[in-house]
Amino acid sequence: WGEIIDKAGQQHDLDPNLIAAIILEESNGDYQAYSHSGAVGLMQVMPRDGIAATFMCINGPCFSNRPSIQELFDPHFNVQFGTEMIAGLIGKYGDLREALKAYGPKDIGYQYADQVLNTYSTYQ
């Protein structure tokens, strides 16, 4: 997935090794990964449909503005979308660890963020 990761990194000004670390943690490089919570693809993005459509927020379905499962199974699209998400979270929080905490599962504190950062540090 190197070429896809490099392109997404360049477009969103992120280190490709960070993107690769997220992919390794999320799907272990399986572009067809589908989690028990409904996350899809290499970067395990929650789609608007499938299981994820049942998650409700104050104003309706939590992920209604997300791409479809079918779109997210496309590795190019998934990595671009996931990389854009993480870049946005870094911009919002101003801190990589906080951004990764927000990107990962909501109920595990910093465990996910620290796992990704540990993997990332291995490849820097």
PDB file of N, CA and C in Angstrom:
ATOM      1  N   TRP A   1       0.810  -1.199   0.000  1.00  0.00           N
ATOM      2  CA  TRP A   1       0.000   0.000   0.000  1.00  0.00           C
ATOM      3  C   TRP A   1       0.854   1.265   0.000  1.00  0.00           C
ATOM      4  N   GLY A   2       2.161   1.088  -0.187  1.00  0.00           N
ATOM      5  CA  GLY A   2       3.101   2.197  -0.073  1.00  0.00           C
ATOM      6  C   GLY A   2       2.783   3.391  -0.951  1.00  0.00           C
ATOM      7  N   GLU A   3       2.452   3.146  -2.208  1.00  0.00           N
ATOM      8  CA  GLU A   3       2.178   4.247  -3.130  1.00  0.00           C
ATOM      9  C   GLU A   3       0.942   5.040  -2.700  1.00  0.00           C
ATOM     10  N   ILE A   4      -0.087   4.333  -2.279  1.00  0.00           N
ATOM     11  CA  ILE A   4      -1.324   4.971  -1.818  1.00  0.00           C
ATOM     12  C   ILE A   4      -1.044   5.790  -0.561  1.00  0.00           C
ATOM     13  N   ILE A   5      -0.287   5.215   0.343  1.00  0.00           N
ATOM     14  CA  ILE A   5       0.046   5.884   1.608  1.00  0.00           C
ATOM     15  C   ILE A   5       0.902   7.123   1.349  1.00  0.00           C
ATOM     16  N   ASP A   6       1.902   7.004   0.489  1.00  0.00           N
ATOM     17  CA  ASP A   6       2.759   8.148   0.162  1.00  0.00           C
ATOM     18  C   ASP A   6       1.949   9.298  -0.426  1.00  0.00           C
ATOM     19  N   LYS A   7       1.053   8.987  -1.349  1.00  0.00           N
ATOM     20  CA  LYS A   7       0.233  10.013  -1.996  1.00  0.00           C
ATOM     21  C   LYS A   7      -0.656  10.724  -0.972  1.00  0.00           C
ATOM     22  N   ALA A   8      -1.298   9.957  -0.109  1.00  0.00           N
ATOM     23  CA  ALA A   8      -2.167  10.551   0.916  1.00  0.00           C
ATOM     24  C   ALA A   8      -1.346  11.408   1.877  1.00  0.00           C
ATOM     25  N   GLY A   9      -0.165  10.935   2.238  1.00  0.00           N
ATOM     26  CA  GLY A   9       0.700  11.699   3.123  1.00  0.00           C
ATOM     27  C   GLY A   9       1.091  13.034   2.523  1.00  0.00           C
ATOM     28  N   GLN A  10       1.438  13.026   1.247  1.00  0.00           N
ATOM     29  CA  GLN A  10       1.807  14.265   0.568  1.00  0.00           C
ATOM     30  C   GLN A  10       0.627  15.222   0.496  1.00  0.00           C
ATOM     31  N   GLN A  11      -0.543  14.696   0.164  1.00  0.00           N
ATOM     32  CA  GLN A  11      -1.726  15.552   0.004  1.00  0.00           C
ATOM     33  C   GLN A  11      -2.180  16.176   1.319  1.00  0.00           C
ATOM     34  N   HIS A  12      -1.922  15.503   2.423  1.00  0.00           N
ATOM     35  CA  HIS A  12      -2.410  16.000   3.714  1.00  0.00           C
ATOM     36  C   HIS A  12      -1.277  16.384   4.664  1.00  0.00           C
ATOM     37  N   ASP A  13      -0.061  16.467   4.115  1.00  0.00           N
ATOM     38  CA  ASP A  13       1.120  16.893   4.873  1.00  0.00           C
ATOM     39  C   ASP A  13       1.324  16.066   6.144  1.00  0.00           C
ATOM     40  N   LEU A  14       1.212  14.734   5.981  1.00  0.00           N
ATOM     41  CA  LEU A  14       1.448  13.800   7.082  1.00  0.00           C
ATOM     42  C   LEU A  14       2.537  12.811   6.697  1.00  0.00           C
ATOM     43  N   ASP A  15       3.295  12.396   7.671  1.00  0.00           N
ATOM     44  CA  ASP A  15       4.335  11.401   7.459  1.00  0.00           C
ATOM     45  C   ASP A  15       3.678  10.083   7.031  1.00  0.00           C
ATOM     46  N   PRO A  16       4.068   9.534   5.888  1.00  0.00           N
ATOM     47  CA  PRO A  16       3.511   8.249   5.464  1.00  0.00           C
ATOM     48  C   PRO A  16       3.701   7.142   6.497  1.00  0.00           C
ATOM     49  N   ASN A  17       4.758   7.226   7.283  1.00  0.00           N
ATOM     50  CA  ASN A  17       4.963   6.215   8.328  1.00  0.00           C
ATOM     51  C   ASN A  17       3.880   6.283   9.403  1.00  0.00           C
ATOM     52  N   LEU A  18       3.349   7.462   9.654  1.00  0.00           N
ATOM     53  CA  LEU A  18       2.235   7.590  10.595  1.00  0.00           C
ATOM     54  C   LEU A  18       0.993   6.915  10.017  1.00  0.00           C
ATOM     55  N   ILE A  19       0.715   7.178   8.762  1.00  0.00           N
ATOM     56  CA  ILE A  19      -0.445   6.567   8.107  1.00  0.00           C
ATOM     57  C   ILE A  19      -0.299   5.053   8.121  1.00  0.00           C
ATOM     58  N   ALA A  20       0.888   4.571   7.802  1.00  0.00           N
ATOM     59  CA  ALA A  20       1.143   3.126   7.810  1.00  0.00           C
ATOM     60  C   ALA A  20       0.954   2.536   9.209  1.00  0.00           C
ATOM     61  N   ALA A  21       1.376   3.262  10.244  1.00  0.00           N
ATOM     62  CA  ALA A  21       1.207   2.786  11.621  1.00  0.00           C
ATOM     63  C   ALA A  21      -0.276   2.673  11.975  1.00  0.00           C
ATOM     64  N   ILE A  22      -1.070   3.633  11.530  1.00  0.00           N
ATOM     65  CA  ILE A  22      -2.520   3.580  11.767  1.00  0.00           C
ATOM     66  C   ILE A  22      -3.122   2.378  11.050  1.00  0.00           C
ATOM     67  N   ILE A  23      -2.731   2.174   9.786  1.00  0.00           N
ATOM     68  CA  ILE A  23      -3.235   1.037   9.023  1.00  0.00           C
ATOM     69  C   ILE A  23      -2.849  -0.281   9.687  1.00  0.00           C
ATOM     70  N   LEU A  24      -1.620  -0.370  10.138  1.00  0.00           N
ATOM     71  CA  LEU A  24      -1.165  -1.591  10.808  1.00  0.00           C
ATOM     72  C   LEU A  24      -2.006  -1.864  12.049  1.00  0.00           C
ATOM     73  N   GLU A  25      -2.245  -0.841  12.832  1.00  0.00           N
ATOM     74  CA  GLU A  25      -3.047  -0.995  14.048  1.00  0.00           C
ATOM     75  C   GLU A  25      -4.507  -1.303  13.725  1.00  0.00           C
ATOM     76  N   GLU A  26      -5.046  -0.624  12.737  1.00  0.00           N
ATOM     77  CA  GLU A  26      -6.470  -0.748  12.432  1.00  0.00           C
ATOM     78  C   GLU A  26      -6.849  -2.044  11.717  1.00  0.00           C
ATOM     79  N   SER A  27      -6.104  -2.390  10.677  1.00  0.00           N
ATOM     80  CA  SER A  27      -6.535  -3.516   9.833  1.00  0.00           C
ATOM     81  C   SER A  27      -5.435  -4.513   9.530  1.00  0.00           C
ATOM     82  N   ASN A  28      -4.242  -4.242  10.010  1.00  0.00           N
ATOM     83  CA  ASN A  28      -3.078  -5.072   9.682  1.00  0.00           C
ATOM     84  C   ASN A  28      -2.896  -5.189   8.166  1.00  0.00           C
ATOM     85  N   GLY A  29      -3.305  -4.146   7.457  1.00  0.00           N
ATOM     86  CA  GLY A  29      -3.126  -4.100   6.011  1.00  0.00           C
ATOM     87  C   GLY A  29      -4.180  -4.828   5.200  1.00  0.00           C
ATOM     88  N   ASP A  30      -5.273  -5.235   5.827  1.00  0.00           N
ATOM     89  CA  ASP A  30      -6.354  -5.947   5.129  1.00  0.00           C
ATOM     90  C   ASP A  30      -7.384  -4.940   4.635  1.00  0.00           C
ATOM     91  N   TYR A  31      -7.408  -4.711   3.324  1.00  0.00           N
ATOM     92  CA  TYR A  31      -8.313  -3.710   2.769  1.00  0.00           C
ATOM     93  C   TYR A  31      -9.772  -4.136   2.849  1.00  0.00           C
ATOM     94  N   GLN A  32     -10.025  -5.393   3.143  1.00  0.00           N
ATOM     95  CA  GLN A  32     -11.396  -5.892   3.274  1.00  0.00           C
ATOM     96  C   GLN A  32     -11.820  -6.036   4.740  1.00  0.00           C
ATOM     97  N   ALA A  33     -11.037  -5.493   5.652  1.00  0.00           N
ATOM     98  CA  ALA A  33     -11.351  -5.601   7.075  1.00  0.00           C
ATOM     99  C   ALA A  33     -12.701  -4.940   7.368  1.00  0.00           C
ATOM    100  N   TYR A  34     -13.482  -5.615   8.206  1.00  0.00           N
ATOM    101  CA  TYR A  34     -14.788  -5.110   8.634  1.00  0.00           C
ATOM    102  C   TYR A  34     -14.929  -5.472  10.108  1.00  0.00           C
ATOM    103  N   SER A  35     -14.907  -4.476  10.980  1.00  0.00           N
ATOM    104  CA  SER A  35     -14.891  -4.742  12.420  1.00  0.00           C
ATOM    105  C   SER A  35     -16.280  -5.066  12.956  1.00  0.00           C
ATOM    106  N   HIS A  36     -16.312  -5.606  14.163  1.00  0.00           N
ATOM    107  CA  HIS A  36     -17.582  -5.914  14.815  1.00  0.00           C
ATOM    108  C   HIS A  36     -18.409  -4.654  15.071  1.00  0.00           C
ATOM    109  N   SER A  37     -17.761  -3.491  15.119  1.00  0.00           N
ATOM    110  CA  SER A  37     -18.491  -2.234  15.314  1.00  0.00           C
ATOM    111  C   SER A  37     -18.928  -1.609  13.984  1.00  0.00           C
ATOM    112  N   GLY A  38     -18.480  -2.187  12.861  1.00  0.00           N
ATOM    113  CA  GLY A  38     -18.893  -1.700  11.551  1.00  0.00           C
ATOM    114  C   GLY A  38     -17.868  -0.866  10.820  1.00  0.00           C
ATOM    115  N   ALA A  39     -16.674  -0.689  11.379  1.00  0.00           N
ATOM    116  CA  ALA A  39     -15.625   0.083  10.702  1.00  0.00           C
ATOM    117  C   ALA A  39     -15.093  -0.719   9.515  1.00  0.00           C
ATOM    118  N   VAL A  40     -14.664  -0.003   8.475  1.00  0.00           N
ATOM    119  CA  VAL A  40     -14.379  -0.625   7.182  1.00  0.00           C
ATOM    120  C   VAL A  40     -12.990  -0.281   6.650  1.00  0.00           C
ATOM    121  N   GLY A  41     -12.337  -1.270   6.042  1.00  0.00           N
ATOM    122  CA  GLY A  41     -11.149  -1.054   5.234  1.00  0.00           C
ATOM    123  C   GLY A  41      -9.852  -0.862   5.986  1.00  0.00           C
ATOM    124  N   LEU A  42      -8.853  -0.423   5.243  1.00  0.00           N
ATOM    125  CA  LEU A  42      -7.493  -0.284   5.761  1.00  0.00           C
ATOM    126  C   LEU A  42      -7.408   0.583   7.007  1.00  0.00           C
ATOM    127  N   MET A  43      -8.105   1.720   6.998  1.00  0.00           N
ATOM    128  CA  MET A  43      -8.019   2.651   8.121  1.00  0.00           C
ATOM    129  C   MET A  43      -9.226   2.546   9.048  1.00  0.00           C
ATOM    130  N   GLN A  44     -10.067   1.530   8.824  1.00  0.00           N
ATOM    131  CA  GLN A  44     -11.219   1.240   9.679  1.00  0.00           C
ATOM    132  C   GLN A  44     -12.068   2.483   9.952  1.00  0.00           C
ATOM    133  N   VAL A  45     -12.597   3.030   8.868  1.00  0.00           N
ATOM    134  CA  VAL A  45     -13.456   4.210   8.927  1.00  0.00           C
ATOM    135  C   VAL A  45     -14.904   3.757   9.115  1.00  0.00           C
ATOM    136  N   MET A  46     -15.628   4.430   9.980  1.00  0.00           N
ATOM    137  CA  MET A  46     -17.047   4.135  10.162  1.00  0.00           C
ATOM    138  C   MET A  46     -17.820   4.693   8.965  1.00  0.00           C
ATOM    139  N   PRO A  47     -18.615   3.860   8.286  1.00  0.00           N
ATOM    140  CA  PRO A  47     -19.398   4.309   7.139  1.00  0.00           C
ATOM    141  C   PRO A  47     -20.764   4.839   7.566  1.00  0.00           C
ATOM    142  N   ARG A  48     -21.523   5.331   6.605  1.00  0.00           N
ATOM    143  CA  ARG A  48     -22.875   5.814   6.900  1.00  0.00           C
ATOM    144  C   ARG A  48     -23.896   4.689   6.957  1.00  0.00           C
ATOM    145  N   ASP A  49     -23.544   3.530   6.387  1.00  0.00           N
ATOM    146  CA  ASP A  49     -24.501   2.430   6.293  1.00  0.00           C
ATOM    147  C   ASP A  49     -24.020   1.213   7.078  1.00  0.00           C
ATOM    148  N   GLY A  50     -24.749   0.133   6.979  1.00  0.00           N
ATOM    149  CA  GLY A  50     -24.404  -1.077   7.711  1.00  0.00           C
ATOM    150  C   GLY A  50     -24.649  -0.896   9.204  1.00  0.00           C
ATOM    151  N   ILE A  51     -23.890  -1.596  10.012  1.00  0.00           N
ATOM    152  CA  ILE A  51     -24.013  -1.527  11.473  1.00  0.00           C
ATOM    153  C   ILE A  51     -23.882  -0.087  11.959  1.00  0.00           C
ATOM    154  N   ALA A  52     -22.986   0.666  11.353  1.00  0.00           N
ATOM    155  CA  ALA A  52     -22.716   2.043  11.787  1.00  0.00           C
ATOM    156  C   ALA A  52     -23.959   2.928  11.701  1.00  0.00           C
ATOM    157  N   ALA A  53     -24.897   2.591  10.827  1.00  0.00           N
ATOM    158  CA  ALA A  53     -26.116   3.391  10.682  1.00  0.00           C
ATOM    159  C   ALA A  53     -26.989   3.323  11.931  1.00  0.00           C
ATOM    160  N   THR A  54     -26.754   2.356  12.793  1.00  0.00           N
ATOM    161  CA  THR A  54     -27.558   2.218  14.008  1.00  0.00           C
ATOM    162  C   THR A  54     -27.035   3.071  15.165  1.00  0.00           C
ATOM    163  N   PHE A  55     -25.851   3.660  15.029  1.00  0.00           N
ATOM    164  CA  PHE A  55     -25.295   4.514  16.079  1.00  0.00           C
ATOM    165  C   PHE A  55     -25.977   5.877  16.012  1.00  0.00           C
ATOM    166  N   MET A  56     -26.665   6.245  17.070  1.00  0.00           N
ATOM    167  CA  MET A  56     -27.426   7.490  17.072  1.00  0.00           C
ATOM    168  C   MET A  56     -26.765   8.548  17.946  1.00  0.00           C
ATOM    169  N   CYS A  57     -26.742   9.762  17.418  1.00  0.00           N
ATOM    170  CA  CYS A  57     -26.266  10.933  18.147  1.00  0.00           C
ATOM    171  C   CYS A  57     -27.466  11.860  18.370  1.00  0.00           C
ATOM    172  N   ILE A  58     -27.242  13.000  18.958  1.00  0.00           N
ATOM    173  CA  ILE A  58     -28.328  13.932  19.288  1.00  0.00           C
ATOM    174  C   ILE A  58     -29.169  14.296  18.064  1.00  0.00           C
ATOM    175  N   ASN A  59     -28.516  14.535  16.931  1.00  0.00           N
ATOM    176  CA  ASN A  59     -29.216  14.989  15.725  1.00  0.00           C
ATOM    177  C   ASN A  59     -29.519  13.877  14.726  1.00  0.00           C
ATOM    178  N   GLY A  60     -29.440  12.617  15.143  1.00  0.00           N
ATOM    179  CA  GLY A  60     -29.721  11.504  14.242  1.00  0.00           C
ATOM    180  C   GLY A  60     -28.519  10.584  14.133  1.00  0.00           C
ATOM    181  N   PRO A  61     -28.449   9.813  13.040  1.00  0.00           N
ATOM    182  CA  PRO A  61     -27.334   8.868  12.873  1.00  0.00           C
ATOM    183  C   PRO A  61     -25.969   9.565  12.934  1.00  0.00           C
ATOM    184  N   CYS A  62     -25.082   9.030  13.749  1.00  0.00           N
ATOM    185  CA  CYS A  62     -23.779   9.658  13.991  1.00  0.00           C
ATOM    186  C   CYS A  62     -22.912   9.781  12.736  1.00  0.00           C
ATOM    187  N   PHE A  63     -23.042   8.850  11.821  1.00  0.00           N
ATOM    188  CA  PHE A  63     -22.123   8.794  10.682  1.00  0.00           C
ATOM    189  C   PHE A  63     -22.825   9.066   9.340  1.00  0.00           C
ATOM    190  N   SER A  64     -23.913   9.790   9.373  1.00  0.00           N
ATOM    191  CA  SER A  64     -24.695  10.021   8.151  1.00  0.00           C
ATOM    192  C   SER A  64     -23.937  10.799   7.087  1.00  0.00           C
ATOM    193  N   ASN A  65     -22.905  11.538   7.475  1.00  0.00           N
ATOM    194  CA  ASN A  65     -22.122  12.316   6.497  1.00  0.00           C
ATOM    195  C   ASN A  65     -20.894  11.557   5.988  1.00  0.00           C
ATOM    196  N   ARG A  66     -20.800  10.284   6.306  1.00  0.00           N
ATOM    197  CA  ARG A  66     -19.652   9.465   5.914  1.00  0.00           C
ATOM    198  C   ARG A  66     -19.906   8.757   4.576  1.00  0.00           C
ATOM    199  N   PRO A  67     -18.841   8.260   3.972  1.00  0.00           N
ATOM    200  CA  PRO A  67     -18.984   7.468   2.741  1.00  0.00           C
ATOM    201  C   PRO A  67     -19.662   6.125   3.045  1.00  0.00           C
ATOM    202  N   SER A  68     -20.025   5.429   1.986  1.00  0.00           N
ATOM    203  CA  SER A  68     -20.657   4.114   2.124  1.00  0.00           C
ATOM    204  C   SER A  68     -19.610   3.025   2.357  1.00  0.00           C
ATOM    205  N   ILE A  69     -20.085   1.876   2.781  1.00  0.00           N
ATOM    206  CA  ILE A  69     -19.207   0.713   2.945  1.00  0.00           C
ATOM    207  C   ILE A  69     -18.502   0.408   1.628  1.00  0.00           C
ATOM    208  N   GLN A  70     -19.254   0.405   0.546  1.00  0.00           N
ATOM    209  CA  GLN A  70     -18.679   0.095  -0.766  1.00  0.00           C
ATOM    210  C   GLN A  70     -17.538   1.048  -1.105  1.00  0.00           C
ATOM    211  N   GLU A  71     -17.722   2.338  -0.872  1.00  0.00           N
ATOM    212  CA  GLU A  71     -16.670   3.319  -1.146  1.00  0.00           C
ATOM    213  C   GLU A  71     -15.441   3.052  -0.278  1.00  0.00           C
ATOM    214  N   LEU A  72     -15.669   2.720   0.984  1.00  0.00           N
ATOM    215  CA  LEU A  72     -14.566   2.542   1.928  1.00  0.00           C
ATOM    216  C   LEU A  72     -13.793   1.241   1.727  1.00  0.00           C
ATOM    217  N   PHE A  73     -14.359   0.305   0.999  1.00  0.00           N
ATOM    218  CA  PHE A  73     -13.602  -0.906   0.672  1.00  0.00           C
ATOM    219  C   PHE A  73     -12.582  -0.659  -0.448  1.00  0.00           C
ATOM    220  N   ASP A  74     -12.659   0.489  -1.115  1.00  0.00           N
ATOM    221  CA  ASP A  74     -11.664   0.864  -2.118  1.00  0.00           C
ATOM    222  C   ASP A  74     -10.439   1.393  -1.360  1.00  0.00           C
ATOM    223  N   PRO A  75      -9.281   0.705  -1.461  1.00  0.00           N
ATOM    224  CA  PRO A  75      -8.099   1.110  -0.686  1.00  0.00           C
ATOM    225  C   PRO A  75      -7.678   2.561  -0.914  1.00  0.00           C
ATOM    226  N   HIS A  76      -7.717   3.020  -2.154  1.00  0.00           N
ATOM    227  CA  HIS A  76      -7.321   4.401  -2.457  1.00  0.00           C
ATOM    228  C   HIS A  76      -8.234   5.380  -1.717  1.00  0.00           C
ATOM    229  N   PHE A  77      -9.529   5.164  -1.852  1.00  0.00           N
ATOM    230  CA  PHE A  77     -10.507   6.050  -1.223  1.00  0.00           C
ATOM    231  C   PHE A  77     -10.384   5.993   0.293  1.00  0.00           C
ATOM    232  N   ASN A  78     -10.264   4.803   0.844  1.00  0.00           N
ATOM    233  CA  ASN A  78     -10.198   4.611   2.287  1.00  0.00           C
ATOM    234  C   ASN A  78      -9.000   5.337   2.889  1.00  0.00           C
ATOM    235  N   VAL A  79      -7.840   5.187   2.282  1.00  0.00           N
ATOM    236  CA  VAL A  79      -6.632   5.825   2.820  1.00  0.00           C
ATOM    237  C   VAL A  79      -6.730   7.346   2.670  1.00  0.00           C
ATOM    238  N   GLN A  80      -7.257   7.822   1.563  1.00  0.00           N
ATOM    239  CA  GLN A  80      -7.429   9.268   1.404  1.00  0.00           C
ATOM    240  C   GLN A  80      -8.388   9.816   2.459  1.00  0.00           C
ATOM    241  N   PHE A  81      -9.526   9.146   2.635  1.00  0.00           N
ATOM    242  CA  PHE A  81     -10.522   9.620   3.579  1.00  0.00           C
ATOM    243  C   PHE A  81     -10.000   9.542   5.015  1.00  0.00           C
ATOM    244  N   GLY A  82      -9.410   8.420   5.375  1.00  0.00           N
ATOM    245  CA  GLY A  82      -8.875   8.245   6.720  1.00  0.00           C
ATOM    246  C   GLY A  82      -7.758   9.225   7.027  1.00  0.00           C
ATOM    247  N   THR A  83      -6.899   9.474   6.047  1.00  0.00           N
ATOM    248  CA  THR A  83      -5.798  10.424   6.226  1.00  0.00           C
ATOM    249  C   THR A  83      -6.336  11.842   6.383  1.00  0.00           C
ATOM    250  N   GLU A  84      -7.345  12.181   5.622  1.00  0.00           N
ATOM    251  CA  GLU A  84      -7.982  13.491   5.765  1.00  0.00           C
ATOM    252  C   GLU A  84      -8.599  13.631   7.162  1.00  0.00           C
ATOM    253  N   MET A  85      -9.202  12.547   7.649  1.00  0.00           N
ATOM    254  CA  MET A  85      -9.781  12.582   8.997  1.00  0.00           C
ATOM    255  C   MET A  85      -8.708  12.839  10.052  1.00  0.00           C
ATOM    256  N   ILE A  86      -7.617  12.089   9.981  1.00  0.00           N
ATOM    257  CA  ILE A  86      -6.582  12.240  11.008  1.00  0.00           C
ATOM    258  C   ILE A  86      -5.913  13.616  10.907  1.00  0.00           C
ATOM    259  N   ALA A  87      -5.720  14.111   9.686  1.00  0.00           N
ATOM    260  CA  ALA A  87      -5.154  15.454   9.519  1.00  0.00           C
ATOM    261  C   ALA A  87      -6.082  16.505  10.123  1.00  0.00           C
ATOM    262  N   GLY A  88      -7.380  16.339   9.935  1.00  0.00           N
ATOM    263  CA  GLY A  88      -8.351  17.258  10.524  1.00  0.00           C
ATOM    264  C   GLY A  88      -8.334  17.217  12.043  1.00  0.00           C
ATOM    265  N   LEU A  89      -8.190  16.014  12.596  1.00  0.00           N
ATOM    266  CA  LEU A  89      -8.141  15.869  14.052  1.00  0.00           C
ATOM    267  C   LEU A  89      -6.863  16.476  14.634  1.00  0.00           C
ATOM    268  N   ILE A  90      -5.755  16.332  13.915  1.00  0.00           N
ATOM    269  CA  ILE A  90      -4.506  16.962  14.361  1.00  0.00           C
ATOM    270  C   ILE A  90      -4.682  18.485  14.366  1.00  0.00           C
ATOM    271  N   GLY A  91      -5.304  18.999  13.322  1.00  0.00           N
ATOM    272  CA  GLY A  91      -5.575  20.437  13.270  1.00  0.00           C
ATOM    273  C   GLY A  91      -6.503  20.892  14.392  1.00  0.00           C
ATOM    274  N   LYS A  92      -7.503  20.098  14.684  1.00  0.00           N
ATOM    275  CA  LYS A  92      -8.473  20.444  15.726  1.00  0.00           C
ATOM    276  C   LYS A  92      -7.850  20.421  17.120  1.00  0.00           C
ATOM    277  N   TYR A  93      -7.087  19.373  17.416  1.00  0.00           N
ATOM    278  CA  TYR A  93      -6.538  19.203  18.759  1.00  0.00           C
ATOM    279  C   TYR A  93      -5.136  19.772  18.925  1.00  0.00           C
ATOM    280  N   GLY A  94      -4.420  19.979  17.815  1.00  0.00           N
ATOM    281  CA  GLY A  94      -3.070  20.524  17.891  1.00  0.00           C
ATOM    282  C   GLY A  94      -2.064  19.583  18.512  1.00  0.00           C
ATOM    283  N   ASP A  95      -2.407  18.301  18.595  1.00  0.00           N
ATOM    284  CA  ASP A  95      -1.545  17.326  19.254  1.00  0.00           C
ATOM    285  C   ASP A  95      -1.837  15.949  18.651  1.00  0.00           C
ATOM    286  N   LEU A  96      -0.786  15.258  18.248  1.00  0.00           N
ATOM    287  CA  LEU A  96      -0.953  13.968  17.593  1.00  0.00           C
ATOM    288  C   LEU A  96      -1.592  12.934  18.511  1.00  0.00           C
ATOM    289  N   ARG A  97      -1.159  12.878  19.753  1.00  0.00           N
ATOM    290  CA  ARG A  97      -1.713  11.876  20.677  1.00  0.00           C
ATOM    291  C   ARG A  97      -3.208  12.103  20.903  1.00  0.00           C
ATOM    292  N   GLU A  98      -3.599  13.359  21.059  1.00  0.00           N
ATOM    293  CA  GLU A  98      -5.019  13.683  21.241  1.00  0.00           C
ATOM    294  C   GLU A  98      -5.815  13.345  19.979  1.00  0.00           C
ATOM    295  N   ALA A  99      -5.230  13.617  18.821  1.00  0.00           N
ATOM    296  CA  ALA A  99      -5.898  13.304  17.559  1.00  0.00           C
ATOM    297  C   ALA A  99      -6.103  11.793  17.412  1.00  0.00           C
ATOM    298  N   LEU A 100      -5.085  11.026  17.753  1.00  0.00           N
ATOM    299  CA  LEU A 100      -5.203   9.569  17.667  1.00  0.00           C
ATOM    300  C   LEU A 100      -6.214   9.033  18.676  1.00  0.00           C
ATOM    301  N   LYS A 101      -6.266   9.626  19.838  1.00  0.00           N
ATOM    302  CA  LYS A 101      -7.279   9.220  20.831  1.00  0.00           C
ATOM    303  C   LYS A 101      -8.676   9.427  20.246  1.00  0.00           C
ATOM    304  N   ALA A 102      -8.888  10.556  19.583  1.00  0.00           N
ATOM    305  CA  ALA A 102     -10.188  10.860  18.984  1.00  0.00           C
ATOM    306  C   ALA A 102     -10.488   9.947  17.793  1.00  0.00           C
ATOM    307  N   TYR A 103      -9.465   9.546  17.072  1.00  0.00           N
ATOM    308  CA  TYR A 103      -9.648   8.683  15.896  1.00  0.00           C
ATOM    309  C   TYR A 103     -10.004   7.258  16.302  1.00  0.00           C
ATOM    310  N   GLY A 104      -9.442   6.793  17.382  1.00  0.00           N
ATOM    311  CA  GLY A 104      -9.605   5.409  17.799  1.00  0.00           C
ATOM    312  C   GLY A 104     -10.890   5.147  18.562  1.00  0.00           C
ATOM    313  N   PRO A 105     -11.003   3.933  19.091  1.00  0.00           N
ATOM    314  CA  PRO A 105     -12.193   3.556  19.875  1.00  0.00           C
ATOM    315  C   PRO A 105     -12.408   4.514  21.045  1.00  0.00           C
ATOM    316  N   LYS A 106     -13.650   4.837  21.299  1.00  0.00           N
ATOM    317  CA  LYS A 106     -13.992   5.866  22.288  1.00  0.00           C
ATOM    318  C   LYS A 106     -13.839   5.419  23.737  1.00  0.00           C
ATOM    319  N   ASP A 107     -13.806   4.129  23.985  1.00  0.00           N
ATOM    320  CA  ASP A 107     -13.880   3.651  25.360  1.00  0.00           C
ATOM    321  C   ASP A 107     -12.567   3.116  25.932  1.00  0.00           C
ATOM    322  N   ILE A 108     -11.432   3.450  25.300  1.00  0.00           N
ATOM    323  CA  ILE A 108     -10.167   2.886  25.791  1.00  0.00           C
ATOM    324  C   ILE A 108      -9.125   3.942  26.143  1.00  0.00           C
ATOM    325  N   GLY A 109      -9.567   5.175  26.298  1.00  0.00           N
ATOM    326  CA  GLY A 109      -8.637   6.231  26.684  1.00  0.00           C
ATOM    327  C   GLY A 109      -7.525   6.408  25.660  1.00  0.00           C
ATOM    328  N   TYR A 110      -6.285   6.448  26.155  1.00  0.00           N
ATOM    329  CA  TYR A 110      -5.131   6.670  25.281  1.00  0.00           C
ATOM    330  C   TYR A 110      -4.483   5.369  24.794  1.00  0.00           C
ATOM    331  N   GLN A 111      -5.052   4.235  25.112  1.00  0.00           N
ATOM    332  CA  GLN A 111      -4.439   2.953  24.743  1.00  0.00           C
ATOM    333  C   GLN A 111      -4.196   2.863  23.235  1.00  0.00           C
ATOM    334  N   TYR A 112      -5.202   3.168  22.441  1.00  0.00           N
ATOM    335  CA  TYR A 112      -5.057   3.114  20.989  1.00  0.00           C
ATOM    336  C   TYR A 112      -3.984   4.099  20.515  1.00  0.00           C
ATOM    337  N   ALA A 113      -4.078   5.335  20.972  1.00  0.00           N
ATOM    338  CA  ALA A 113      -3.117   6.372  20.575  1.00  0.00           C
ATOM    339  C   ALA A 113      -1.698   5.932  20.890  1.00  0.00           C
ATOM    340  N   ASP A 114      -1.493   5.391  22.069  1.00  0.00           N
ATOM    341  CA  ASP A 114      -0.157   4.978  22.475  1.00  0.00           C
ATOM    342  C   ASP A 114       0.349   3.784  21.668  1.00  0.00           C
ATOM    343  N   GLN A 115      -0.548   2.887  21.289  1.00  0.00           N
ATOM    344  CA  GLN A 115      -0.146   1.758  20.446  1.00  0.00           C
ATOM    345  C   GLN A 115       0.310   2.249  19.069  1.00  0.00           C
ATOM    346  N   VAL A 116      -0.454   3.153  18.481  1.00  0.00           N
ATOM    347  CA  VAL A 116      -0.082   3.703  17.175  1.00  0.00           C
ATOM    348  C   VAL A 116       1.233   4.458  17.284  1.00  0.00           C
ATOM    349  N   LEU A 117       1.384   5.279  18.309  1.00  0.00           N
ATOM    350  CA  LEU A 117       2.625   6.046  18.478  1.00  0.00           C
ATOM    351  C   LEU A 117       3.812   5.142  18.694  1.00  0.00           C
ATOM    352  N   ASN A 118       3.639   4.051  19.385  1.00  0.00           N
ATOM    353  CA  ASN A 118       4.719   3.081  19.583  1.00  0.00           C
ATOM    354  C   ASN A 118       5.134   2.459  18.250  1.00  0.00           C
ATOM    355  N   THR A 119       4.155   2.060  17.463  1.00  0.00           N
ATOM    356  CA  THR A 119       4.443   1.496  16.139  1.00  0.00           C
ATOM    357  C   THR A 119       5.107   2.549  15.256  1.00  0.00           C
ATOM    358  N   TYR A 120       4.572   3.750  15.276  1.00  0.00           N
ATOM    359  CA  TYR A 120       5.116   4.851  14.483  1.00  0.00           C
ATOM    360  C   TYR A 120       6.570   5.123  14.842  1.00  0.00           C
ATOM    361  N   SER A 121       6.901   5.123  16.120  1.00  0.00           N
ATOM    362  CA  SER A 121       8.272   5.396  16.552  1.00  0.00           C
ATOM    363  C   SER A 121       9.250   4.327  16.048  1.00  0.00           C
ATOM    364  N   THR A 122       8.758   3.140  15.840  1.00  0.00           N
ATOM    365  CA  THR A 122       9.581   2.053  15.326  1.00  0.00           C
ATOM    366  C   THR A 122      10.061   2.323  13.907  1.00  0.00           C
ATOM    367  N   TYR A 123       9.240   3.051  13.143  1.00  0.00           N
ATOM    368  CA  TYR A 123       9.537   3.284  11.717  1.00  0.00           C
ATOM    369  C   TYR A 123      10.083   4.668  11.424  1.00  0.00           C
ATOM    370  N   GLN A 124      10.332   5.485  12.431  1.00  0.00           N
ATOM    371  CA  GLN A 124      10.861   6.835  12.180  1.00  0.00           C
ATOM    372  C   GLN A 124      12.364   6.784  12.039  1.00  0.00           C
TER     373      GLN A 124
END
